[in-house]
Amino acid sequence: MSDYEREAVSADADSDERALEGALRPRSLDDFVGQERVRQQLSLVLRGAQRRGRAPDHVLLSGGPGLGKTTLAMIIAAELGAPLRISSGPAIERSGDLAAVLSTLHEGEVLFLDEIHRMARPAEEMLYVAMEDFRVDVMVGKGPGATAIPLDIAPFTLVGATTRSGLLPAPLRDRFGFTAHMDFYEAVDLERILHRSAGLLGVEVDGDAAAEIAGRSRGTPRIANRLLRRVRDYAEVHGDGHLTRETACAALTLFEVDHHGLDRLDRGVLEALCGKFRGGPVGLSTLAVAVGEEPETVEVVAEPFLVRSGFIARTPRGRVATPDAWGHLGITPPADAAFGAAAAADSAAAPRAAEVPGAEGAA
């Protein structure tokens, strides 16, 4: 499978796509579609801080890629009328890197740290004090003669974003005054996003075409906007540029995105699980070999959506196909297929083991 084919339904984005996304991002909370609970809570936090004339509490945004964490960070800065400084956890390898960023912040500035859970541990410890006391301790010298010089920094608001909040140390997580989890979007919200994006792109899209694209977007705005651009390309090359349901279906079929949002890798996993292993249970490594991919690719790229959609179940004994998986492939399951109440009971009995890669054994 080529990177281009997989990219169609990948929630990750490269630098070129992030530049395209910038033109489609909403600029205020009123324009932000979906995540209604988070939007209302965040609005209250920001307006309360503005009334008091102080910087708002630090904000932690968690959730899968493509759900709007970066967009919300930009909106927070815009709502406060403050500059936005952007960095990422992997870019901060030493405490000195963080000190250099913090010492140049102006009062009220918003600092956005993407993938904050990947920040180096010494920098995390420095961040504790900076978030709580607006101070950093700069070490001068080495060995027994080293001296910590306290350096005051301007009050700022940290917005941290993470796709894996469980990896954040508890002391860091507790220092965020407001924590929000970004859920996957309902189809109706994705349709509103698509109509807005189509208007910004100068594309005319029918309601049923937007519904078709939204239904195949895995509940993720980034994927919805990407598929919209692909359908637009198809409509301009093979039609008059107008996006109809027929055009959307033809374009998405070309890119091998089916009506559930599954691509070739997803269907390959289901076909191997059902066709070669009679529905499982089967170990992750064996399943990965059957589809010609690395175990990490199957576990990180394909499996989360398949589990969330109810097509496979993770049990202590291995991956198991559900009745929905057999139905999606149009295959009648054998009488001894391992699914249903027994698989569900196994999964519920040892949820922690099922979450650990390889916990199902070498089956």
Protein backbone atom coordinates (compact mmCIF):
# COMPACT_ATOMS: atom_id res chain seq x y z
CA MET A 1 0.00 0.00 0.00
CA SER A 2 1.38 3.38 -0.97
CA ASP A 3 1.63 6.26 1.48
CA TYR A 4 -0.75 8.23 -0.74
CA GLU A 5 -3.43 5.57 -0.49
CA ARG A 6 -3.13 5.24 3.27
CA GLU A 7 -3.06 9.01 3.70
CA ALA A 8 -6.71 9.32 2.65
CA VAL A 9 -8.02 8.13 6.02
CA SER A 10 -4.99 8.79 8.21
CA ALA A 11 -5.64 11.20 11.07
CA ASP A 12 -2.03 12.41 10.98
CA ALA A 13 -0.94 15.34 8.82
CA ASP A 14 2.36 16.37 7.28
CA SER A 15 3.65 19.94 7.04
CA ASP A 16 2.07 20.57 3.62
CA GLU A 17 -1.36 19.47 4.80
CA ARG A 18 -1.09 21.53 7.98
CA ALA A 19 -0.53 24.57 5.78
CA LEU A 20 -3.72 23.76 3.87
CA GLU A 21 -5.60 23.20 7.12
CA GLY A 22 -4.64 26.69 8.27
CA ALA A 23 -6.93 28.26 5.70
CA LEU A 24 -9.88 26.17 6.91
CA ARG A 25 -9.47 26.62 10.67
CA PRO A 26 -12.18 28.54 12.54
CA ARG A 27 -10.95 31.71 14.23
CA SER A 28 -13.33 31.90 17.21
CA LEU A 29 -15.29 29.66 19.54
CA ASP A 30 -18.51 30.74 17.87
CA ASP A 31 -17.23 29.37 14.55
CA PHE A 32 -15.93 26.14 16.06
CA VAL A 33 -18.24 23.26 15.13
CA GLY A 34 -18.75 20.26 17.39
CA GLN A 35 -17.34 19.49 20.85
CA GLU A 36 -20.20 21.49 22.32
CA ARG A 37 -19.46 20.61 25.94
CA VAL A 38 -15.77 21.48 25.63
CA ARG A 39 -16.59 24.68 23.77
CA GLN A 40 -19.01 25.90 26.44
CA GLN A 41 -16.67 25.02 29.31
CA LEU A 42 -13.70 26.69 27.63
CA SER A 43 -15.75 29.80 26.88
CA LEU A 44 -16.62 30.08 30.58
CA VAL A 45 -12.98 29.70 31.63
CA LEU A 46 -11.76 32.36 29.20
CA ARG A 47 -14.51 34.89 29.91
CA GLY A 48 -14.08 34.49 33.67
CA ALA A 49 -10.36 35.18 33.41
CA GLN A 50 -10.96 38.21 31.18
CA ARG A 51 -13.39 39.68 33.71
CA ARG A 52 -10.79 39.29 36.45
CA GLY A 53 -8.06 40.74 34.24
CA ARG A 54 -5.80 37.73 34.76
CA ALA A 55 -4.35 34.99 32.62
CA PRO A 56 -6.69 31.98 32.51
CA ASP A 57 -5.80 28.61 34.00
CA HIS A 58 -3.52 26.32 32.03
CA VAL A 59 -5.44 24.12 29.59
CA LEU A 60 -4.84 20.47 28.70
CA LEU A 61 -6.49 19.12 25.54
CA SER A 62 -6.45 15.37 24.96
CA GLY A 63 -7.83 13.21 22.18
CA GLY A 64 -6.92 11.56 18.91
CA PRO A 65 -5.14 13.36 16.08
CA GLY A 66 -7.22 15.54 13.80
CA LEU A 67 -9.95 16.42 16.30
CA GLY A 68 -9.12 20.12 16.69
CA LYS A 69 -6.64 20.47 19.56
CA THR A 70 -4.33 22.80 17.66
CA THR A 71 -7.30 24.76 16.36
CA LEU A 72 -8.61 25.28 19.90
CA ALA A 73 -5.18 26.48 21.06
CA MET A 74 -5.19 29.09 18.31
CA ILE A 75 -8.74 30.09 19.21
CA ILE A 76 -7.78 30.49 22.89
CA ALA A 77 -5.06 32.97 21.94
CA ALA A 78 -7.42 34.80 19.56
CA GLU A 79 -10.19 35.03 22.18
CA LEU A 80 -7.72 36.45 24.70
CA GLY A 81 -6.21 38.82 22.14
CA ALA A 82 -2.79 37.43 23.06
CA PRO A 83 0.19 36.25 21.00
CA LEU A 84 0.58 32.50 20.48
CA ARG A 85 3.91 30.72 20.83
CA ILE A 86 3.95 27.20 19.33
CA SER A 87 6.33 24.39 20.20
CA SER A 88 6.17 20.63 20.78
CA GLY A 89 7.26 18.13 23.37
CA PRO A 90 9.83 16.34 21.18
CA ALA A 91 11.51 19.69 20.39
CA ILE A 92 12.23 20.30 24.08
CA GLU A 93 15.04 17.85 24.79
CA ARG A 94 16.66 19.64 27.75
CA SER A 95 15.52 21.90 30.55
CA GLY A 96 17.57 24.69 28.97
CA ASP A 97 15.42 24.51 25.84
CA LEU A 98 12.31 25.13 27.93
CA ALA A 99 13.97 27.91 29.94
CA ALA A 100 14.88 29.69 26.71
CA VAL A 101 11.23 29.60 25.59
CA LEU A 102 9.72 30.60 28.92
CA SER A 103 12.11 33.47 29.59
CA THR A 104 11.08 35.22 26.36
CA LEU A 105 7.32 35.04 26.94
CA HIS A 106 5.43 38.29 27.40
CA GLU A 107 2.70 38.76 29.98
CA GLY A 108 -0.54 37.06 28.98
CA GLU A 109 1.07 35.18 26.09
CA VAL A 110 -0.24 31.70 25.23
CA LEU A 111 2.29 28.88 24.92
CA PHE A 112 1.08 25.83 22.97
CA LEU A 113 2.98 22.58 23.49
CA ASP A 114 1.84 19.83 21.15
CA GLU A 115 2.48 16.20 22.12
CA ILE A 116 3.39 17.42 25.58
CA HIS A 117 3.71 13.84 26.88
CA ARG A 118 6.90 13.45 24.80
CA MET A 119 8.78 16.22 26.58
CA ALA A 120 12.05 15.31 28.33
CA ARG A 121 11.75 14.58 32.05
CA PRO A 122 14.14 17.38 33.22
CA ALA A 123 12.07 19.87 31.24
CA GLU A 124 8.86 18.52 32.81
CA GLU A 125 10.23 19.15 36.28
CA MET A 126 11.12 22.73 35.35
CA LEU A 127 7.65 23.19 33.89
CA TYR A 128 6.04 22.28 37.23
CA VAL A 129 7.48 25.38 38.88
CA ALA A 130 6.90 27.59 35.85
CA MET A 131 3.19 26.70 35.69
CA GLU A 132 2.62 27.15 39.41
CA ASP A 133 4.92 29.99 40.47
CA PHE A 134 5.88 31.59 37.14
CA ARG A 135 9.51 31.01 37.89
CA VAL A 136 12.33 28.90 36.50
CA ASP A 137 15.48 27.89 38.30
CA VAL A 138 18.50 28.20 36.03
CA MET A 139 21.50 26.10 37.04
CA VAL A 140 24.85 27.90 36.80
CA GLY A 141 28.02 25.84 37.03
CA LYS A 142 28.51 22.11 37.44
CA GLY A 143 29.16 19.66 40.22
CA PRO A 144 29.22 20.68 43.91
CA GLY A 145 29.61 24.34 42.99
CA ALA A 146 26.47 24.49 40.86
CA THR A 147 24.02 27.19 41.89
CA ALA A 148 20.33 27.54 41.09
CA ILE A 149 19.40 31.09 40.17
CA PRO A 150 15.63 31.79 40.28
CA LEU A 151 14.36 33.70 37.28
CA ASP A 152 10.89 35.21 37.29
CA ILE A 153 8.87 34.85 34.11
CA ALA A 154 5.78 36.72 32.94
CA PRO A 155 2.39 35.15 33.75
CA PHE A 156 1.36 33.04 30.78
CA THR A 157 -1.19 30.41 29.81
CA LEU A 158 0.05 26.98 28.81
CA VAL A 159 -2.09 24.97 26.41
CA GLY A 160 -0.89 21.37 26.26
CA ALA A 161 -2.12 18.87 23.69
CA THR A 162 -1.67 15.13 23.88
CA THR A 163 -2.95 12.07 22.08
CA ARG A 164 -1.96 9.88 25.05
CA SER A 165 -2.93 11.57 28.28
CA GLY A 166 -2.16 8.42 30.27
CA LEU A 167 1.56 9.00 29.63
CA LEU A 168 1.52 12.38 31.38
CA PRO A 169 2.99 12.30 34.91
CA ALA A 170 0.38 12.99 37.56
CA PRO A 171 2.21 16.09 38.93
CA LEU A 172 2.12 17.69 35.48
CA ARG A 173 -1.47 16.72 34.77
CA ASP A 174 -2.62 18.11 38.12
CA ARG A 175 -1.19 21.54 37.35
CA PHE A 176 -3.64 22.14 34.53
CA GLY A 177 -6.65 24.07 35.78
CA PHE A 178 -8.87 22.94 32.91
CA THR A 179 -8.71 19.56 31.20
CA ALA A 180 -10.81 18.67 28.17
CA HIS A 181 -11.09 15.45 26.21
CA MET A 182 -11.90 15.78 22.52
CA ASP A 183 -14.42 13.19 21.35
CA PHE A 184 -14.92 11.91 17.83
CA TYR A 185 -17.49 13.94 15.89
CA GLU A 186 -21.04 13.04 14.97
CA ALA A 187 -21.84 12.91 11.25
CA VAL A 188 -24.11 15.96 11.47
CA ASP A 189 -21.25 18.07 12.85
CA LEU A 190 -18.91 16.83 10.14
CA GLU A 191 -21.47 17.84 7.52
CA ARG A 192 -21.50 21.38 8.91
CA ILE A 193 -17.70 21.43 8.83
CA LEU A 194 -17.70 20.20 5.23
CA HIS A 195 -20.17 22.87 4.09
CA ARG A 196 -18.06 25.55 5.78
CA SER A 197 -14.86 24.20 4.25
CA ALA A 198 -16.47 23.93 0.81
CA GLY A 199 -17.44 27.58 1.01
CA LEU A 200 -13.88 28.58 1.89
CA LEU A 201 -12.53 26.46 -0.96
CA GLY A 202 -15.03 27.89 -3.42
CA VAL A 203 -16.61 24.49 -4.04
CA GLU A 204 -20.33 23.82 -4.48
CA VAL A 205 -21.34 20.69 -2.59
CA ASP A 206 -24.77 19.06 -2.35
CA GLY A 207 -26.17 18.07 1.02
CA ASP A 208 -26.19 14.36 0.23
CA ALA A 209 -22.59 14.58 -1.03
CA ALA A 210 -21.52 16.15 2.27
CA ALA A 211 -23.40 13.42 4.13
CA GLU A 212 -21.63 10.74 2.11
CA ILE A 213 -18.19 12.20 2.83
CA ALA A 214 -19.01 12.73 6.51
CA GLY A 215 -20.10 9.11 6.89
CA ARG A 216 -16.71 7.89 5.67
CA SER A 217 -14.57 10.30 7.70
CA ARG A 218 -14.10 8.22 10.86
CA GLY A 219 -15.55 11.00 13.01
CA THR A 220 -12.49 13.17 12.35
CA PRO A 221 -12.62 16.69 10.81
CA ARG A 222 -9.09 16.39 9.39
CA ILE A 223 -10.09 13.29 7.43
CA ALA A 224 -13.36 14.93 6.33
CA ASN A 225 -11.55 17.97 4.92
CA ARG A 226 -8.98 15.75 3.22
CA LEU A 227 -11.66 13.62 1.55
CA LEU A 228 -13.46 16.80 0.51
CA ARG A 229 -10.36 17.92 -1.35
CA ARG A 230 -10.00 14.54 -3.02
CA VAL A 231 -13.62 14.58 -4.15
CA ARG A 232 -13.16 18.14 -5.40
CA ASP A 233 -10.18 17.01 -7.48
CA TYR A 234 -12.24 14.17 -8.96
CA ALA A 235 -15.14 16.49 -9.73
CA GLU A 236 -12.88 19.00 -11.48
CA VAL A 237 -11.15 16.32 -13.58
CA HIS A 238 -14.13 14.11 -14.40
CA GLY A 239 -17.00 16.57 -14.15
CA ASP A 240 -17.96 20.20 -13.90
CA GLY A 241 -16.57 20.76 -10.40
CA HIS A 242 -19.95 20.38 -8.69
CA LEU A 243 -19.88 17.85 -5.84
CA THR A 244 -22.81 15.43 -6.00
CA ARG A 245 -23.36 12.18 -4.13
CA GLU A 246 -22.51 10.20 -7.26
CA THR A 247 -19.25 12.10 -7.66
CA ALA A 248 -18.37 11.60 -3.99
CA CYS A 249 -19.04 7.85 -4.18
CA ALA A 250 -16.98 7.49 -7.35
CA ALA A 251 -14.06 9.45 -5.92
CA LEU A 252 -14.03 7.62 -2.60
CA THR A 253 -14.26 4.28 -4.37
CA LEU A 254 -11.21 5.27 -6.38
CA PHE A 255 -9.32 5.99 -3.15
CA GLU A 256 -10.58 2.70 -1.66
CA VAL A 257 -12.49 4.27 1.22
CA ASP A 258 -15.69 2.27 1.77
CA HIS A 259 -18.98 3.43 3.24
CA HIS A 260 -17.77 2.76 6.81
CA GLY A 261 -14.51 4.66 6.29
CA LEU A 262 -12.40 1.50 6.08
CA ASP A 263 -9.48 1.50 3.67
CA ARG A 264 -7.51 -1.35 2.13
CA LEU A 265 -5.43 -2.02 5.26
CA ASP A 266 -8.51 -2.13 7.47
CA ARG A 267 -10.30 -4.52 5.16
CA GLY A 268 -7.14 -6.60 4.81
CA VAL A 269 -7.05 -7.06 8.60
CA LEU A 270 -10.71 -8.09 8.67
CA GLU A 271 -10.33 -10.43 5.70
CA ALA A 272 -7.30 -12.12 7.25
CA LEU A 273 -9.00 -12.43 10.63
CA CYS A 274 -12.18 -13.88 9.18
CA GLY A 275 -10.87 -15.73 6.14
CA LYS A 276 -7.56 -17.17 7.36
CA PHE A 277 -8.19 -17.52 11.08
CA ARG A 278 -11.94 -18.26 11.17
CA GLY A 279 -12.61 -15.14 13.23
CA GLY A 280 -9.83 -15.68 15.76
CA PRO A 281 -8.63 -15.44 18.39
CA VAL A 282 -5.27 -14.66 16.81
CA GLY A 283 -2.20 -12.87 18.12
CA LEU A 284 -1.17 -9.44 16.90
CA SER A 285 2.14 -10.59 15.40
CA THR A 286 0.49 -13.41 13.46
CA LEU A 287 -2.22 -11.10 12.18
CA ALA A 288 0.39 -8.54 11.08
CA VAL A 289 2.33 -11.18 9.12
CA ALA A 290 -0.89 -12.25 7.41
CA VAL A 291 -1.48 -8.73 6.05
CA GLY A 292 2.18 -8.03 5.28
CA GLU A 293 2.58 -5.19 7.78
CA GLU A 294 4.54 -4.53 10.94
CA PRO A 295 2.70 -5.30 14.21
CA GLU A 296 3.00 -1.62 15.22
CA THR A 297 1.26 -0.57 12.01
CA VAL A 298 -1.67 -2.90 12.61
CA GLU A 299 -1.94 -1.95 16.28
CA VAL A 300 -1.53 1.81 15.96
CA VAL A 301 -2.97 2.57 12.50
CA ALA A 302 -5.72 0.05 11.78
CA GLU A 303 -6.80 -1.48 15.06
CA PRO A 304 -8.09 1.57 17.00
CA PHE A 305 -10.73 2.40 14.40
CA LEU A 306 -11.70 -1.26 13.93
CA VAL A 307 -12.18 -1.68 17.68
CA ARG A 308 -14.07 1.59 18.02
CA SER A 309 -16.34 0.63 15.13
CA GLY A 310 -17.10 -2.75 16.68
CA PHE A 311 -15.49 -4.90 13.98
CA ILE A 312 -12.88 -6.59 16.17
CA ALA A 313 -12.49 -7.22 19.89
CA ARG A 314 -9.26 -7.43 21.86
CA THR A 315 -9.22 -10.33 24.31
CA PRO A 316 -6.47 -11.92 26.45
CA ARG A 317 -6.30 -14.77 23.92
CA GLY A 318 -6.02 -12.54 20.85
CA ARG A 319 -7.99 -10.49 18.33
CA VAL A 320 -11.51 -11.71 17.58
CA ALA A 321 -13.84 -10.76 14.72
CA THR A 322 -17.31 -9.58 15.78
CA PRO A 323 -20.57 -10.34 13.96
CA ASP A 324 -20.38 -6.84 12.41
CA ALA A 325 -17.05 -7.76 10.80
CA TRP A 326 -18.51 -10.84 9.14
CA GLY A 327 -21.51 -8.84 8.02
CA HIS A 328 -19.37 -6.04 6.60
CA LEU A 329 -17.42 -8.53 4.50
CA GLY A 330 -20.60 -10.30 3.43
CA ILE A 331 -19.34 -13.63 4.77
CA THR A 332 -21.33 -16.17 6.74
CA PRO A 333 -19.37 -17.03 9.91
CA PRO A 334 -18.66 -20.68 10.69
CA ALA A 335 -20.63 -22.28 13.47
CA ASP A 336 -17.61 -22.33 15.78
CA ALA A 337 -16.59 -18.68 15.18
CA ALA A 338 -15.22 -17.14 18.36
CA PHE A 339 -17.35 -14.06 18.88
CA GLY A 340 -20.30 -12.87 20.91
CA ALA A 341 -20.82 -13.30 24.62
CA ALA A 342 -17.77 -15.52 25.20
CA ALA A 343 -15.36 -13.07 23.58
CA ALA A 344 -16.99 -10.13 25.30
CA ALA A 345 -16.69 -11.90 28.67
CA ASP A 346 -12.99 -12.58 28.08
CA SER A 347 -12.41 -8.96 27.14
CA ALA A 348 -14.22 -7.67 30.22
CA ALA A 349 -12.40 -10.10 32.52
CA ALA A 350 -8.93 -8.78 31.66
CA PRO A 351 -9.15 -5.33 30.08
CA ARG A 352 -5.67 -4.36 31.19
CA ALA A 353 -4.03 -7.35 29.58
CA ALA A 354 -5.85 -6.63 26.33
CA GLU A 355 -4.43 -3.13 26.26
CA VAL A 356 -0.80 -4.29 26.40
CA PRO A 357 0.78 -5.12 23.02
CA GLY A 358 1.49 -8.83 22.86
CA ALA A 359 -0.54 -9.59 26.01
CA GLU A 360 -2.61 -12.06 24.04
CA GLY A 361 0.41 -14.32 23.71
CA ALA A 362 2.08 -15.72 20.67
CA ALA A 363 -1.09 -17.28 19.29
